[in-house]
Amino acid sequence: MNAAVKLIARLVVAVVLCANAIFAQAQTQMKTQEPPKAVEDCVGLAEAKARLESQEKRLNDWPNLARYREANANVAAPAKDEQRVVFMGDSITDLWAQPRFSGFFPGKPYIGRGISGQTTPQMLIRFRWDVIALQPKVVVILAGTNDIAGNTGPMTLEEIEGNLVSMAELARANGIRVVLASVMPVSNYGHGRDGNPVDMRIKRPPEKILELNAWIKKYAAENGHVYLDYFSATVDDQGLLKKDLSEDGLHPNAAGYAVMAPLAEKAIQLALAATPPKR
């Protein structure tokens, strides 16, 4: 709520500044008798407005249940022998379905339910609707990098782990096998959309990723889940995400997804071979 109030205050200030700029420009044009010129967009106003709208959307639907509501309603019940799989995650899962990455497991009954920027508490809230209700045989959970980055506020590793446990327990209680994926490495090799260098290690310290992954691997082993190790296949000798697998040092590119896909497929087959959990 405080963030929304601050954004509203910024928006008001931006409006006042823009109004003053417009008035000053009009006075200058009148004095010089120049023909009226188009007033340039006020960058501060546009940015404040966009952020306010984003905050309003988050306040109205924090877990973004609306994102897949219609799509979920159109998903038919699985066929008798269908090996349906749901991928729960953040932007790494969300972007996987884009055509530039050769599609999301073509021909497979796999359903992507990633939402860019999300953290584990948001995924936990939508887990019933975006996973359980779709009746998959397996769920693949890739989450944690945005928690470490603090996308929805400060999070301890214990809190992240607790949310992962809750999702795994919900899945098991509903007869769904669980694949827990490692958090992927990040790097400072990439660049943003503006072409400037980006260091993803600042918000996502590699040591925290290593600590969380060690816990995920141990928890999966102790509880009969499958551990999907993306990290080892995508990390370089400096402990960072391989340069050729990402453009920004966080999200996989086509080459990155090409490395991940067979690993995910192998983990899914291991999960399907296991005895299904009792409801």
Foldseek 3Di string as FASTA:
>chain_A
DVVLVVLVVQLVVLVVVLVVVVVVVVVVCVVVVPDDDDDDDRPSNVVSVVVNVVVVVCVVQVLPLVPCPVVLVPQDADPPPAQEEEEEEEVLQVVCQDVQLVGDPPPHNYHYDYYHLDALVSSLVCLCRRPVSNPHQEYEYAHDQSQLLQSPHHDDLVRSVVSVVSSCVVCLASQHAYEYEQAAFFAQLAADPVRHTDGSCVSRPLVSSVVSRVVSVVVCVVPVHHYQYLHVQQADPVSAGDNVQDHRRHHGGSVSVVSRVVSVVVRSVVRVPDDTRDD
